[in-house]
Structure formats: C-alpha cells, structure tokens
Amino acid sequence: APTARRRPPVGSGLLAVLVAGLAILVAWPAST
C-alpha cells in the first residue's frame, strides 16, 4: 500500500548479521 513504510524493518540488519554468523559457525570445520 502507498502508506506502507519503505525503510527496512528495525533490526533486519542485526538479524542478517546473526544469520551470517550462524552460517559461519555451521560451516566451520572440525580439526584435531
């Protein structure tokens, strides 16, 4: 709708960082 707020939702940037960080943790390899 024309009245809809056009700025990204508050916290979406932080959420993107959290998802990226989680993906890095998941992909981090094991080692001995």
PDB file of all heavy atoms in Angstrom:
ATOM      1  N   ALA A   1       0.853  -1.208   0.000  1.00  0.00           N
ATOM      2  CA  ALA A   1       0.000   0.000   0.000  1.00  0.00           C
ATOM      3  C   ALA A   1       0.879   1.245   0.000  1.00  0.00           C
ATOM      4  O   ALA A   1       1.994   1.230   0.528  1.00  0.00           O
ATOM      5  CB  ALA A   1      -0.901  -0.015   1.224  1.00  0.00           C
ATOM      6  N   PRO A   2       0.411   2.332  -0.572  1.00  0.00           N
ATOM      7  CA  PRO A   2       1.233   3.559  -0.622  1.00  0.00           C
ATOM      8  C   PRO A   2       1.669   4.050   0.740  1.00  0.00           C
ATOM      9  O   PRO A   2       2.700   4.698   0.864  1.00  0.00           O
ATOM     10  CB  PRO A   2       0.291   4.565  -1.300  1.00  0.00           C
ATOM     11  CG  PRO A   2      -0.683   3.735  -2.055  1.00  0.00           C
ATOM     12  CD  PRO A   2      -0.879   2.495  -1.261  1.00  0.00           C
ATOM     13  N   THR A   3       0.874   3.757   1.771  1.00  0.00           N
ATOM     14  CA  THR A   3       1.217   4.249   3.102  1.00  0.00           C
ATOM     15  C   THR A   3       2.233   3.356   3.807  1.00  0.00           C
ATOM     16  O   THR A   3       2.676   3.673   4.914  1.00  0.00           O
ATOM     17  CB  THR A   3      -0.035   4.338   3.979  1.00  0.00           C
ATOM     18  OG1 THR A   3      -0.648   3.031   4.039  1.00  0.00           O
ATOM     19  CG2 THR A   3      -1.028   5.343   3.408  1.00  0.00           C
ATOM     20  N   ALA A   4       2.567   2.243   3.193  1.00  0.00           N
ATOM     21  CA  ALA A   4       3.480   1.295   3.852  1.00  0.00           C
ATOM     22  C   ALA A   4       4.857   1.931   4.055  1.00  0.00           C
ATOM     23  O   ALA A   4       5.336   2.670   3.197  1.00  0.00           O
ATOM     24  CB  ALA A   4       3.622   0.032   3.008  1.00  0.00           C
ATOM     25  N   ARG A   5       5.441   1.669   5.172  1.00  0.00           N
ATOM     26  CA  ARG A   5       6.771   2.207   5.473  1.00  0.00           C
ATOM     27  C   ARG A   5       7.791   1.605   4.502  1.00  0.00           C
ATOM     28  O   ARG A   5       7.826   0.397   4.295  1.00  0.00           O
ATOM     29  CB  ARG A   5       7.140   1.849   6.913  1.00  0.00           C
ATOM     30  CG  ARG A   5       8.440   2.446   7.356  1.00  0.00           C
ATOM     31  CD  ARG A   5       8.694   2.142   8.823  1.00  0.00           C
ATOM     32  NE  ARG A   5       8.555   0.705   9.074  1.00  0.00           N
ATOM     33  CZ  ARG A   5       9.096   0.090  10.124  1.00  0.00           C
ATOM     34  NH1 ARG A   5       9.767   0.774  11.007  1.00  0.00           N
ATOM     35  NH2 ARG A   5       8.936  -1.205  10.288  1.00  0.00           N
ATOM     36  N   ARG A   6       8.658   2.415   3.948  1.00  0.00           N
ATOM     37  CA  ARG A   6       9.579   1.926   2.940  1.00  0.00           C
ATOM     38  C   ARG A   6      10.967   1.646   3.490  1.00  0.00           C
ATOM     39  O   ARG A   6      11.798   1.075   2.811  1.00  0.00           O
ATOM     40  CB  ARG A   6       9.668   2.924   1.775  1.00  0.00           C
ATOM     41  CG  ARG A   6       8.351   3.053   1.031  1.00  0.00           C
ATOM     42  CD  ARG A   6       8.460   3.900  -0.217  1.00  0.00           C
ATOM     43  NE  ARG A   6       7.205   3.916  -0.942  1.00  0.00           N
ATOM     44  CZ  ARG A   6       6.829   2.983  -1.804  1.00  0.00           C
ATOM     45  NH1 ARG A   6       7.617   1.954  -2.034  1.00  0.00           N
ATOM     46  NH2 ARG A   6       5.673   3.068  -2.436  1.00  0.00           N
ATOM     47  N   ARG A   7      11.244   2.040   4.698  1.00  0.00           N
ATOM     48  CA  ARG A   7      12.535   1.723   5.275  1.00  0.00           C
ATOM     49  C   ARG A   7      12.570   0.263   5.705  1.00  0.00           C
ATOM     50  O   ARG A   7      11.555  -0.320   6.056  1.00  0.00           O
ATOM     51  CB  ARG A   7      12.802   2.617   6.474  1.00  0.00           C
ATOM     52  CG  ARG A   7      13.035   4.070   6.104  1.00  0.00           C
ATOM     53  CD  ARG A   7      13.378   4.869   7.351  1.00  0.00           C
ATOM     54  NE  ARG A   7      13.643   6.262   7.015  1.00  0.00           N
ATOM     55  CZ  ARG A   7      13.976   7.177   7.916  1.00  0.00           C
ATOM     56  NH1 ARG A   7      14.059   6.842   9.210  1.00  0.00           N
ATOM     57  NH2 ARG A   7      14.206   8.414   7.540  1.00  0.00           N
ATOM     58  N   PRO A   8      13.745  -0.348   5.709  1.00  0.00           N
ATOM     59  CA  PRO A   8      13.851  -1.730   6.171  1.00  0.00           C
ATOM     60  C   PRO A   8      13.393  -1.835   7.622  1.00  0.00           C
ATOM     61  O   PRO A   8      13.582  -0.897   8.414  1.00  0.00           O
ATOM     62  CB  PRO A   8      15.352  -2.034   6.049  1.00  0.00           C
ATOM     63  CG  PRO A   8      15.851  -1.047   5.052  1.00  0.00           C
ATOM     64  CD  PRO A   8      15.028   0.188   5.239  1.00  0.00           C
ATOM     65  N   PRO A   9      12.754  -2.927   8.013  1.00  0.00           N
ATOM     66  CA  PRO A   9      12.296  -3.091   9.392  1.00  0.00           C
ATOM     67  C   PRO A   9      13.457  -2.944  10.363  1.00  0.00           C
ATOM     68  O   PRO A   9      14.600  -3.326  10.078  1.00  0.00           O
ATOM     69  CB  PRO A   9      11.749  -4.528   9.406  1.00  0.00           C
ATOM     70  CG  PRO A   9      11.437  -4.835   7.973  1.00  0.00           C
ATOM     71  CD  PRO A   9      12.453  -4.093   7.178  1.00  0.00           C
ATOM     72  N   VAL A  10      13.156  -2.372  11.536  1.00  0.00           N
ATOM     73  CA  VAL A  10      14.165  -2.204  12.564  1.00  0.00           C
ATOM     74  C   VAL A  10      14.709  -3.572  12.972  1.00  0.00           C
ATOM     75  O   VAL A  10      13.957  -4.505  13.215  1.00  0.00           O
ATOM     76  CB  VAL A  10      13.577  -1.476  13.786  1.00  0.00           C
ATOM     77  CG1 VAL A  10      14.604  -1.400  14.916  1.00  0.00           C
ATOM     78  CG2 VAL A  10      13.109  -0.087  13.380  1.00  0.00           C
ATOM     79  N   GLY A  11      16.007  -3.706  13.035  1.00  0.00           N
ATOM     80  CA  GLY A  11      16.614  -4.961  13.464  1.00  0.00           C
ATOM     81  C   GLY A  11      16.940  -5.920  12.334  1.00  0.00           C
ATOM     82  O   GLY A  11      17.570  -6.949  12.568  1.00  0.00           O
ATOM     83  N   SER A  12      16.525  -5.634  11.095  1.00  0.00           N
ATOM     84  CA  SER A  12      16.797  -6.549   9.991  1.00  0.00           C
ATOM     85  C   SER A  12      18.290  -6.670   9.717  1.00  0.00           C
ATOM     86  O   SER A  12      18.786  -7.754   9.368  1.00  0.00           O
ATOM     87  CB  SER A  12      16.059  -6.108   8.724  1.00  0.00           C
ATOM     88  OG  SER A  12      16.461  -4.797   8.345  1.00  0.00           O
ATOM     89  N   GLY A  13      19.019  -5.570   9.898  1.00  0.00           N
ATOM     90  CA  GLY A  13      20.466  -5.628   9.703  1.00  0.00           C
ATOM     91  C   GLY A  13      21.133  -6.515  10.734  1.00  0.00           C
ATOM     92  O   GLY A  13      22.004  -7.339  10.408  1.00  0.00           O
ATOM     93  N   LEU A  14      20.718  -6.364  11.998  1.00  0.00           N
ATOM     94  CA  LEU A  14      21.255  -7.225  13.056  1.00  0.00           C
ATOM     95  C   LEU A  14      20.909  -8.680  12.794  1.00  0.00           C
ATOM     96  O   LEU A  14      21.741  -9.576  12.993  1.00  0.00           O
ATOM     97  CB  LEU A  14      20.693  -6.779  14.407  1.00  0.00           C
ATOM     98  CG  LEU A  14      21.072  -7.640  15.615  1.00  0.00           C
ATOM     99  CD1 LEU A  14      22.585  -7.668  15.800  1.00  0.00           C
ATOM    100  CD2 LEU A  14      20.374  -7.124  16.870  1.00  0.00           C
ATOM    101  N   LEU A  15      19.690  -8.916  12.322  1.00  0.00           N
ATOM    102  CA  LEU A  15      19.267 -10.290  12.021  1.00  0.00           C
ATOM    103  C   LEU A  15      20.127 -10.888  10.908  1.00  0.00           C
ATOM    104  O   LEU A  15      20.503 -12.066  10.964  1.00  0.00           O
ATOM    105  CB  LEU A  15      17.794 -10.288  11.618  1.00  0.00           C
ATOM    106  CG  LEU A  15      17.110 -11.660  11.501  1.00  0.00           C
ATOM    107  CD1 LEU A  15      17.209 -12.432  12.808  1.00  0.00           C
ATOM    108  CD2 LEU A  15      15.646 -11.468  11.109  1.00  0.00           C
ATOM    109  N   ALA A  16      20.445 -10.076   9.910  1.00  0.00           N
ATOM    110  CA  ALA A  16      21.295 -10.550   8.822  1.00  0.00           C
ATOM    111  C   ALA A  16      22.679 -10.942   9.347  1.00  0.00           C
ATOM    112  O   ALA A  16      23.251 -11.958   8.928  1.00  0.00           O
ATOM    113  CB  ALA A  16      21.430  -9.485   7.746  1.00  0.00           C
ATOM    114  N   VAL A  17      23.202 -10.152  10.279  1.00  0.00           N
ATOM    115  CA  VAL A  17      24.498 -10.473  10.876  1.00  0.00           C
ATOM    116  C   VAL A  17      24.424 -11.782  11.654  1.00  0.00           C
ATOM    117  O   VAL A  17      25.326 -12.623  11.578  1.00  0.00           O
ATOM    118  CB  VAL A  17      24.968  -9.321  11.786  1.00  0.00           C
ATOM    119  CG1 VAL A  17      26.211  -9.726  12.577  1.00  0.00           C
ATOM    120  CG2 VAL A  17      25.256  -8.073  10.966  1.00  0.00           C
ATOM    121  N   LEU A  18      23.332 -11.976  12.404  1.00  0.00           N
ATOM    122  CA  LEU A  18      23.166 -13.205  13.186  1.00  0.00           C
ATOM    123  C   LEU A  18      23.078 -14.426  12.279  1.00  0.00           C
ATOM    124  O   LEU A  18      23.678 -15.473  12.552  1.00  0.00           O
ATOM    125  CB  LEU A  18      21.909 -13.108  14.053  1.00  0.00           C
ATOM    126  CG  LEU A  18      21.967 -12.128  15.231  1.00  0.00           C
ATOM    127  CD1 LEU A  18      20.612 -12.063  15.927  1.00  0.00           C
ATOM    128  CD2 LEU A  18      23.043 -12.552  16.218  1.00  0.00           C
ATOM    129  N   VAL A  19      22.341 -14.310  11.196  1.00  0.00           N
ATOM    130  CA  VAL A  19      22.215 -15.438  10.257  1.00  0.00           C
ATOM    131  C   VAL A  19      23.558 -15.745   9.610  1.00  0.00           C
ATOM    132  O   VAL A  19      23.948 -16.911   9.485  1.00  0.00           O
ATOM    133  CB  VAL A  19      21.145 -15.131   9.188  1.00  0.00           C
ATOM    134  CG1 VAL A  19      21.164 -16.198   8.094  1.00  0.00           C
ATOM    135  CG2 VAL A  19      19.769 -15.062   9.825  1.00  0.00           C
ATOM    136  N   ALA A  20      24.279 -14.712   9.212  1.00  0.00           N
ATOM    137  CA  ALA A  20      25.598 -14.922   8.612  1.00  0.00           C
ATOM    138  C   ALA A  20      26.547 -15.566   9.619  1.00  0.00           C
ATOM    139  O   ALA A  20      27.303 -16.495   9.284  1.00  0.00           O
ATOM    140  CB  ALA A  20      26.171 -13.596   8.113  1.00  0.00           C
ATOM    141  N   GLY A  21      26.505 -15.082  10.857  1.00  0.00           N
ATOM    142  CA  GLY A  21      27.355 -15.667  11.896  1.00  0.00           C
ATOM    143  C   GLY A  21      27.013 -17.119  12.158  1.00  0.00           C
ATOM    144  O   GLY A  21      27.909 -17.961  12.336  1.00  0.00           O
ATOM    145  N   LEU A  22      25.707 -17.432  12.179  1.00  0.00           N
ATOM    146  CA  LEU A  22      25.278 -18.818  12.390  1.00  0.00           C
ATOM    147  C   LEU A  22      25.752 -19.709  11.249  1.00  0.00           C
ATOM    148  O   LEU A  22      26.212 -20.836  11.470  1.00  0.00           O
ATOM    149  CB  LEU A  22      23.758 -18.863  12.520  1.00  0.00           C
ATOM    150  CG  LEU A  22      23.140 -20.239  12.801  1.00  0.00           C
ATOM    151  CD1 LEU A  22      23.683 -20.827  14.098  1.00  0.00           C
ATOM    152  CD2 LEU A  22      21.609 -20.129  12.851  1.00  0.00           C
ATOM    153  N   ALA A  23      25.651 -19.210  10.024  1.00  0.00           N
ATOM    154  CA  ALA A  23      26.108 -19.983   8.865  1.00  0.00           C
ATOM    155  C   ALA A  23      27.611 -20.262   8.943  1.00  0.00           C
ATOM    156  O   ALA A  23      28.075 -21.359   8.614  1.00  0.00           O
ATOM    157  CB  ALA A  23      25.770 -19.245   7.569  1.00  0.00           C
ATOM    158  N   ILE A  24      28.373 -19.262   9.402  1.00  0.00           N
ATOM    159  CA  ILE A  24      29.823 -19.452   9.550  1.00  0.00           C
ATOM    160  C   ILE A  24      30.109 -20.501  10.614  1.00  0.00           C
ATOM    161  O   ILE A  24      30.968 -21.378  10.428  1.00  0.00           O
ATOM    162  CB  ILE A  24      30.497 -18.110   9.905  1.00  0.00           C
ATOM    163  CG1 ILE A  24      30.434 -17.152   8.709  1.00  0.00           C
ATOM    164  CG2 ILE A  24      31.948 -18.335  10.336  1.00  0.00           C
ATOM    165  CD1 ILE A  24      30.900 -15.745   9.027  1.00  0.00           C
ATOM    166  N   LEU A  25      29.394 -20.450  11.728  1.00  0.00           N
ATOM    167  CA  LEU A  25      29.577 -21.455  12.784  1.00  0.00           C
ATOM    168  C   LEU A  25      29.257 -22.853  12.275  1.00  0.00           C
ATOM    169  O   LEU A  25      29.960 -23.821  12.586  1.00  0.00           O
ATOM    170  CB  LEU A  25      28.695 -21.121  13.985  1.00  0.00           C
ATOM    171  CG  LEU A  25      29.128 -19.949  14.861  1.00  0.00           C
ATOM    172  CD1 LEU A  25      28.092 -19.697  15.949  1.00  0.00           C
ATOM    173  CD2 LEU A  25      30.495 -20.223  15.492  1.00  0.00           C
ATOM    174  N   VAL A  26      28.192 -22.981  11.509  1.00  0.00           N
ATOM    175  CA  VAL A  26      27.800 -24.285  10.960  1.00  0.00           C
ATOM    176  C   VAL A  26      28.862 -24.810  10.001  1.00  0.00           C
ATOM    177  O   VAL A  26      29.176 -26.009   9.985  1.00  0.00           O
ATOM    178  CB  VAL A  26      26.434 -24.179  10.257  1.00  0.00           C
ATOM    179  CG1 VAL A  26      26.150 -25.433   9.433  1.00  0.00           C
ATOM    180  CG2 VAL A  26      25.324 -23.955  11.282  1.00  0.00           C
ATOM    181  N   ALA A  27      29.418 -23.925   9.189  1.00  0.00           N
ATOM    182  CA  ALA A  27      30.386 -24.344   8.171  1.00  0.00           C
ATOM    183  C   ALA A  27      31.799 -24.510   8.724  1.00  0.00           C
ATOM    184  O   ALA A  27      32.664 -25.092   8.047  1.00  0.00           O
ATOM    185  CB  ALA A  27      30.402 -23.325   7.024  1.00  0.00           C
ATOM    186  N   TRP A  28      32.075 -24.013   9.933  1.00  0.00           N
ATOM    187  CA  TRP A  28      33.425 -24.052  10.484  1.00  0.00           C
ATOM    188  C   TRP A  28      33.883 -25.501  10.637  1.00  0.00           C
ATOM    189  O   TRP A  28      33.229 -26.287  11.289  1.00  0.00           O
ATOM    190  CB  TRP A  28      33.466 -23.338  11.827  1.00  0.00           C
ATOM    191  CG  TRP A  28      34.855 -22.973  12.258  1.00  0.00           C
ATOM    192  CD1 TRP A  28      35.705 -23.717  12.991  1.00  0.00           C
ATOM    193  CD2 TRP A  28      35.534 -21.755  11.941  1.00  0.00           C
ATOM    194  NE1 TRP A  28      36.895 -23.049  13.172  1.00  0.00           N
ATOM    195  CE2 TRP A  28      36.817 -21.835  12.540  1.00  0.00           C
ATOM    196  CE3 TRP A  28      35.188 -20.613  11.225  1.00  0.00           C
ATOM    197  CZ2 TRP A  28      37.735 -20.790  12.426  1.00  0.00           C
ATOM    198  CZ3 TRP A  28      36.103 -19.598  11.121  1.00  0.00           C
ATOM    199  CH2 TRP A  28      37.371 -19.695  11.715  1.00  0.00           C
ATOM    200  N   PRO A  29      35.025 -25.876  10.062  1.00  0.00           N
ATOM    201  CA  PRO A  29      35.428 -27.291  10.066  1.00  0.00           C
ATOM    202  C   PRO A  29      35.986 -27.753  11.404  1.00  0.00           C
ATOM    203  O   PRO A  29      36.501 -26.957  12.196  1.00  0.00           O
ATOM    204  CB  PRO A  29      36.518 -27.336   8.983  1.00  0.00           C
ATOM    205  CG  PRO A  29      37.099 -25.950   8.993  1.00  0.00           C
ATOM    206  CD  PRO A  29      35.959 -25.027   9.302  1.00  0.00           C
ATOM    207  N   ALA A  30      35.867 -29.043  11.644  1.00  0.00           N
ATOM    208  CA  ALA A  30      36.474 -29.661  12.826  1.00  0.00           C
ATOM    209  C   ALA A  30      37.948 -29.933  12.557  1.00  0.00           C
ATOM    210  O   ALA A  30      38.391 -29.968  11.404  1.00  0.00           O
ATOM    211  CB  ALA A  30      35.753 -30.963  13.155  1.00  0.00           C
ATOM    212  N   SER A  31      38.718 -30.143  13.627  1.00  0.00           N
ATOM    213  CA  SER A  31      40.140 -30.446  13.470  1.00  0.00           C
ATOM    214  C   SER A  31      40.644 -31.131  14.729  1.00  0.00           C
ATOM    215  O   SER A  31      40.012 -31.065  15.782  1.00  0.00           O
ATOM    216  CB  SER A  31      40.943 -29.162  13.224  1.00  0.00           C
ATOM    217  OG  SER A  31      40.844 -28.299  14.354  1.00  0.00           O
ATOM    218  N   THR A  32      41.761 -31.783  14.608  1.00  0.00           N
ATOM    219  CA  THR A  32      42.431 -32.346  15.772  1.00  0.00           C
ATOM    220  C   THR A  32      43.781 -31.652  15.915  1.00  0.00           C
ATOM    221  O   THR A  32      44.459 -31.403  14.900  1.00  0.00           O
ATOM    222  CB  THR A  32      42.588 -33.876  15.654  1.00  0.00           C
ATOM    223  OG1 THR A  32      43.030 -34.419  16.903  1.00  0.00           O
ATOM    224  CG2 THR A  32      43.553 -34.284  14.550  1.00  0.00           C
TER     225      THR A  32
END
